[in-house]
């Protein structure tokens, strides 16, 4: 039994819901990481461009 199955049974949720949530997080994290990386590099112009592009 894999960890996803254990968590879904413990929480009483559908495996489909958990799987879709994991996929959504996996595709969203790179979009979120880019502006944070730019912020630490003090590249504010690029950071704002990434935020605006992600919102569209």
Protein backbone atom coordinates (compact mmCIF):
# COMPACT_ATOMS: atom_id res chain seq x y z
CA UNK A 1 0.00 0.00 0.00
CA UNK A 2 1.47 3.37 -0.97
CA UNK A 3 1.38 6.50 1.16
CA UNK A 4 -1.35 8.15 -0.92
CA UNK A 5 -3.72 5.27 -0.26
CA UNK A 6 -2.97 5.36 3.47
CA UNK A 7 -3.58 9.13 3.68
CA UNK A 8 -6.81 9.02 1.67
CA UNK A 9 -8.23 6.21 3.78
CA UNK A 10 -7.22 7.98 6.99
CA UNK A 11 -8.86 11.23 5.86
CA UNK A 12 -11.83 9.48 4.30
CA UNK A 13 -11.25 11.13 0.92
CA UNK A 14 -11.28 9.82 -2.61
CA UNK A 15 -7.92 8.82 -4.06
CA UNK A 16 -8.87 10.83 -7.16
CA UNK A 17 -9.19 14.05 -5.11
CA UNK A 18 -5.80 13.53 -3.46
CA UNK A 19 -4.15 12.63 -6.79
CA UNK A 20 -5.56 15.71 -8.51
CA UNK A 21 -4.45 17.89 -5.61
CA UNK A 22 -0.90 16.52 -5.81
CA UNK A 23 -0.80 17.12 -9.57
CA UNK A 24 -2.15 20.66 -9.12
CA UNK A 25 0.51 21.44 -6.52
CA UNK A 26 3.23 19.97 -8.72
CA UNK A 27 2.27 22.19 -11.63
CA UNK A 28 1.78 25.33 -9.50
CA UNK A 29 4.94 25.23 -7.40
CA UNK A 30 7.33 26.16 -10.24
CA UNK A 31 5.13 29.15 -11.07
CA UNK A 32 5.30 30.23 -7.44
CA UNK A 33 9.01 29.51 -7.06
CA UNK A 34 10.09 31.77 -9.93
CA UNK A 35 8.96 35.09 -8.35
CA UNK A 36 10.33 34.05 -4.95
CA UNK A 37 13.72 33.29 -6.50
CA UNK A 38 13.66 36.62 -8.33
CA UNK A 39 12.82 38.41 -5.08
CA UNK A 40 15.88 36.94 -3.33
CA UNK A 41 18.05 37.95 -6.30
CA UNK A 42 16.62 41.51 -6.08
CA UNK A 43 15.30 41.25 -9.64
CA UNK A 44 12.05 43.07 -8.93
CA UNK A 45 11.17 43.79 -12.56
CA UNK A 46 11.38 40.12 -13.51
CA UNK A 47 9.48 39.18 -10.36
CA UNK A 48 6.56 41.43 -11.31
CA UNK A 49 6.58 40.10 -14.88
CA UNK A 50 6.36 36.53 -13.57
CA UNK A 51 3.50 37.38 -11.22
CA UNK A 52 1.54 39.14 -13.97
CA UNK A 53 2.19 36.33 -16.43
CA UNK A 54 1.05 33.71 -13.90
CA UNK A 55 -2.17 35.62 -13.26
CA UNK A 56 -3.16 35.54 -16.92
